[in-house]
Amino acid sequence: MALKDTSTDGWGIVFAPSISNAESNSIISGMEFRGFLEAHKLLDTPQKFVAHLALHELAHLENGWGQELEYECDRWAFERLDDAL
């Protein structure tokens, strides 16, 4: 989850202490539902999944995109994924 403190202009990304296979599959299925049909193939390791997740949340912060722009955040993250690994 991306968090921004508007009073200090500080920001952060918070991760759950662990993510189960069922949770990651649910998140990836959501991406596929939004149009990223190859998401399971592209995010086939925990490292790729977490990197995409971090980039996705960074997209919210970097671009000022709210929760209604999940597709754009996924696209932004996929465009940068190879460079992040």
N, C-alpha and C. Protein backbone atom coordinates (compact mmCIF):
# COMPACT_ATOMS: atom_id res chain seq x y z
N MET A 1 0.83 -1.16 0.00
CA MET A 1 0.00 0.00 0.00
C MET A 1 0.89 1.24 0.00
N ALA A 2 0.55 2.19 -0.84
CA ALA A 2 1.27 3.46 -0.91
C ALA A 2 0.61 4.44 0.05
N LEU A 3 1.43 5.14 0.81
CA LEU A 3 0.93 6.12 1.77
C LEU A 3 1.63 7.44 1.57
N LYS A 4 0.88 8.54 1.64
CA LYS A 4 1.47 9.86 1.53
C LYS A 4 0.95 10.72 2.67
N ASP A 5 1.86 11.39 3.35
CA ASP A 5 1.52 12.32 4.43
C ASP A 5 1.50 13.72 3.83
N THR A 6 0.33 14.25 3.62
CA THR A 6 0.23 15.55 2.95
C THR A 6 0.74 16.69 3.83
N SER A 7 0.80 16.49 5.16
CA SER A 7 1.30 17.56 6.01
C SER A 7 2.82 17.68 5.96
N THR A 8 3.51 16.58 5.67
CA THR A 8 4.98 16.62 5.62
C THR A 8 5.52 16.35 4.22
N ASP A 9 4.64 15.95 3.31
CA ASP A 9 5.01 15.54 1.96
C ASP A 9 5.85 14.26 1.97
N GLY A 10 5.85 13.55 3.11
CA GLY A 10 6.54 12.26 3.21
C GLY A 10 5.69 11.17 2.58
N TRP A 11 6.35 10.06 2.26
CA TRP A 11 5.62 8.95 1.65
C TRP A 11 6.29 7.64 2.03
N GLY A 12 5.57 6.57 1.79
CA GLY A 12 6.11 5.25 2.06
C GLY A 12 5.28 4.18 1.38
N ILE A 13 5.85 3.01 1.31
CA ILE A 13 5.15 1.84 0.78
C ILE A 13 5.19 0.78 1.87
N VAL A 14 4.03 0.26 2.22
CA VAL A 14 3.91 -0.72 3.29
C VAL A 14 3.55 -2.07 2.68
N PHE A 15 4.29 -3.09 3.07
CA PHE A 15 4.03 -4.46 2.61
C PHE A 15 3.53 -5.29 3.78
N ALA A 16 2.71 -6.27 3.48
CA ALA A 16 2.31 -7.25 4.49
C ALA A 16 3.54 -8.07 4.85
N PRO A 17 3.62 -8.59 6.08
CA PRO A 17 4.79 -9.38 6.46
C PRO A 17 4.96 -10.64 5.61
N SER A 18 3.86 -11.14 5.08
CA SER A 18 3.95 -12.28 4.16
C SER A 18 2.75 -12.23 3.22
N ILE A 19 2.92 -12.84 2.07
CA ILE A 19 1.86 -12.92 1.07
C ILE A 19 1.75 -14.38 0.67
N SER A 20 0.59 -14.95 0.87
CA SER A 20 0.40 -16.37 0.55
C SER A 20 0.29 -16.55 -0.97
N ASN A 21 0.46 -17.78 -1.40
CA ASN A 21 0.27 -18.08 -2.83
C ASN A 21 -1.14 -17.73 -3.27
N ALA A 22 -2.12 -18.00 -2.43
CA ALA A 22 -3.51 -17.68 -2.77
C ALA A 22 -3.69 -16.17 -2.93
N GLU A 23 -3.06 -15.38 -2.06
CA GLU A 23 -3.16 -13.92 -2.17
C GLU A 23 -2.47 -13.41 -3.43
N SER A 24 -1.28 -13.90 -3.71
CA SER A 24 -0.58 -13.43 -4.92
C SER A 24 -1.33 -13.86 -6.17
N ASN A 25 -1.89 -15.07 -6.18
CA ASN A 25 -2.68 -15.51 -7.33
C ASN A 25 -3.92 -14.63 -7.51
N SER A 26 -4.54 -14.21 -6.41
CA SER A 26 -5.70 -13.34 -6.49
C SER A 26 -5.32 -11.97 -7.06
N ILE A 27 -4.19 -11.44 -6.63
CA ILE A 27 -3.72 -10.15 -7.14
C ILE A 27 -3.41 -10.25 -8.63
N ILE A 28 -2.73 -11.31 -9.03
CA ILE A 28 -2.39 -11.51 -10.44
C ILE A 28 -3.66 -11.72 -11.27
N SER A 29 -4.63 -12.44 -10.73
CA SER A 29 -5.89 -12.63 -11.45
C SER A 29 -6.60 -11.29 -11.67
N GLY A 30 -6.50 -10.40 -10.69
CA GLY A 30 -7.06 -9.06 -10.86
C GLY A 30 -6.39 -8.31 -12.00
N MET A 31 -5.07 -8.46 -12.12
CA MET A 31 -4.35 -7.83 -13.23
C MET A 31 -4.84 -8.39 -14.56
N GLU A 32 -5.01 -9.71 -14.60
CA GLU A 32 -5.48 -10.35 -15.83
C GLU A 32 -6.89 -9.87 -16.18
N PHE A 33 -7.73 -9.71 -15.17
CA PHE A 33 -9.09 -9.21 -15.38
C PHE A 33 -9.05 -7.80 -15.96
N ARG A 34 -8.06 -6.99 -15.52
CA ARG A 34 -7.93 -5.62 -16.01
C ARG A 34 -7.28 -5.56 -17.39
N GLY A 35 -6.86 -6.71 -17.94
CA GLY A 35 -6.34 -6.72 -19.30
C GLY A 35 -4.92 -7.20 -19.49
N PHE A 36 -4.22 -7.48 -18.41
CA PHE A 36 -2.85 -7.96 -18.52
C PHE A 36 -2.88 -9.49 -18.55
N LEU A 37 -3.22 -10.03 -19.70
CA LEU A 37 -3.51 -11.46 -19.86
C LEU A 37 -2.30 -12.35 -19.62
N GLU A 38 -1.12 -11.81 -19.72
CA GLU A 38 0.12 -12.58 -19.52
C GLU A 38 0.70 -12.40 -18.13
N ALA A 39 -0.05 -11.82 -17.20
CA ALA A 39 0.50 -11.49 -15.88
C ALA A 39 1.07 -12.71 -15.17
N HIS A 40 0.38 -13.86 -15.21
CA HIS A 40 0.91 -15.06 -14.54
C HIS A 40 2.26 -15.48 -15.13
N LYS A 41 2.42 -15.34 -16.44
CA LYS A 41 3.70 -15.70 -17.07
C LYS A 41 4.79 -14.68 -16.75
N LEU A 42 4.42 -13.40 -16.71
CA LEU A 42 5.41 -12.35 -16.47
C LEU A 42 5.85 -12.29 -15.01
N LEU A 43 4.97 -12.66 -14.10
CA LEU A 43 5.27 -12.59 -12.66
C LEU A 43 5.38 -14.00 -12.09
N ASP A 44 6.27 -14.79 -12.69
CA ASP A 44 6.36 -16.22 -12.37
C ASP A 44 7.33 -16.57 -11.25
N THR A 45 7.91 -15.56 -10.61
CA THR A 45 8.76 -15.81 -9.44
C THR A 45 8.36 -14.83 -8.34
N PRO A 46 8.64 -15.16 -7.08
CA PRO A 46 8.33 -14.21 -6.00
C PRO A 46 9.05 -12.87 -6.19
N GLN A 47 10.28 -12.91 -6.71
CA GLN A 47 11.03 -11.68 -6.91
C GLN A 47 10.34 -10.76 -7.93
N LYS A 48 9.87 -11.34 -9.02
CA LYS A 48 9.17 -10.54 -10.04
C LYS A 48 7.86 -10.00 -9.49
N PHE A 49 7.15 -10.84 -8.74
CA PHE A 49 5.87 -10.41 -8.17
C PHE A 49 6.08 -9.23 -7.22
N VAL A 50 7.04 -9.34 -6.31
CA VAL A 50 7.29 -8.27 -5.34
C VAL A 50 7.82 -7.01 -6.02
N ALA A 51 8.68 -7.17 -7.02
CA ALA A 51 9.18 -6.01 -7.75
C ALA A 51 8.03 -5.28 -8.44
N HIS A 52 7.13 -6.03 -9.08
CA HIS A 52 5.98 -5.40 -9.74
C HIS A 52 5.10 -4.72 -8.71
N LEU A 53 4.88 -5.38 -7.58
CA LEU A 53 4.04 -4.81 -6.53
C LEU A 53 4.62 -3.49 -6.03
N ALA A 54 5.93 -3.46 -5.79
CA ALA A 54 6.57 -2.22 -5.33
C ALA A 54 6.47 -1.13 -6.39
N LEU A 55 6.72 -1.49 -7.65
CA LEU A 55 6.60 -0.51 -8.72
C LEU A 55 5.17 0.00 -8.87
N HIS A 56 4.21 -0.91 -8.74
CA HIS A 56 2.80 -0.52 -8.83
C HIS A 56 2.47 0.53 -7.77
N GLU A 57 2.91 0.28 -6.54
CA GLU A 57 2.63 1.23 -5.46
C GLU A 57 3.41 2.54 -5.67
N LEU A 58 4.63 2.44 -6.18
CA LEU A 58 5.40 3.64 -6.50
C LEU A 58 4.69 4.47 -7.57
N ALA A 59 4.04 3.80 -8.52
CA ALA A 59 3.29 4.52 -9.56
C ALA A 59 2.20 5.39 -8.95
N HIS A 60 1.53 4.89 -7.92
CA HIS A 60 0.52 5.71 -7.24
C HIS A 60 1.15 7.00 -6.71
N LEU A 61 2.32 6.86 -6.08
CA LEU A 61 2.99 8.01 -5.47
C LEU A 61 3.63 8.93 -6.51
N GLU A 62 4.35 8.36 -7.44
CA GLU A 62 5.08 9.13 -8.44
C GLU A 62 4.16 9.96 -9.34
N ASN A 63 3.01 9.37 -9.64
CA ASN A 63 2.11 10.02 -10.60
C ASN A 63 0.88 10.65 -9.96
N GLY A 64 0.73 10.49 -8.65
CA GLY A 64 -0.44 11.03 -7.97
C GLY A 64 -1.73 10.32 -8.37
N TRP A 65 -1.61 9.04 -8.74
CA TRP A 65 -2.77 8.28 -9.19
C TRP A 65 -3.46 7.62 -8.01
N GLY A 66 -4.78 7.76 -7.96
CA GLY A 66 -5.57 7.15 -6.90
C GLY A 66 -5.90 5.69 -7.22
N GLN A 67 -6.68 5.11 -6.34
CA GLN A 67 -7.06 3.70 -6.48
C GLN A 67 -7.86 3.42 -7.74
N GLU A 68 -8.50 4.42 -8.30
CA GLU A 68 -9.30 4.21 -9.51
C GLU A 68 -8.42 3.98 -10.75
N LEU A 69 -7.13 4.16 -10.62
CA LEU A 69 -6.21 4.03 -11.76
C LEU A 69 -5.30 2.80 -11.62
N GLU A 70 -5.86 1.69 -11.18
CA GLU A 70 -5.09 0.46 -11.01
C GLU A 70 -4.49 -0.04 -12.32
N TYR A 71 -5.24 0.05 -13.41
CA TYR A 71 -4.72 -0.38 -14.72
C TYR A 71 -3.47 0.40 -15.07
N GLU A 72 -3.53 1.72 -14.92
CA GLU A 72 -2.38 2.56 -15.26
C GLU A 72 -1.17 2.24 -14.39
N CYS A 73 -1.43 1.96 -13.11
CA CYS A 73 -0.32 1.61 -12.21
C CYS A 73 0.30 0.27 -12.61
N ASP A 74 -0.53 -0.70 -12.99
CA ASP A 74 0.00 -1.98 -13.46
C ASP A 74 0.81 -1.79 -14.73
N ARG A 75 0.30 -1.02 -15.68
CA ARG A 75 1.00 -0.77 -16.94
C ARG A 75 2.34 -0.10 -16.67
N TRP A 76 2.35 0.92 -15.83
CA TRP A 76 3.56 1.66 -15.47
C TRP A 76 4.59 0.70 -14.87
N ALA A 77 4.12 -0.17 -13.98
CA ALA A 77 5.01 -1.13 -13.32
C ALA A 77 5.57 -2.16 -14.31
N PHE A 78 4.73 -2.70 -15.20
CA PHE A 78 5.21 -3.66 -16.18
C PHE A 78 6.25 -3.02 -17.11
N GLU A 79 6.06 -1.75 -17.46
CA GLU A 79 7.02 -1.07 -18.35
C GLU A 79 8.40 -0.95 -17.70
N ARG A 80 8.48 -0.95 -16.39
CA ARG A 80 9.74 -0.77 -15.69
C ARG A 80 10.28 -2.03 -15.04
N LEU A 81 9.54 -3.11 -15.13
CA LEU A 81 9.89 -4.33 -14.40
C LEU A 81 11.26 -4.88 -14.76
N ASP A 82 11.58 -5.00 -16.04
CA ASP A 82 12.86 -5.58 -16.43
C ASP A 82 14.03 -4.76 -15.90
N ASP A 83 13.90 -3.43 -15.89
CA ASP A 83 14.98 -2.58 -15.39
C ASP A 83 15.14 -2.69 -13.88
N ALA A 84 14.07 -3.09 -13.19
CA ALA A 84 14.10 -3.18 -11.73
C ALA A 84 14.72 -4.47 -11.23
N LEU A 85 14.83 -5.46 -12.11
CA LEU A 85 15.33 -6.78 -11.67
C LEU A 85 16.83 -6.90 -11.85
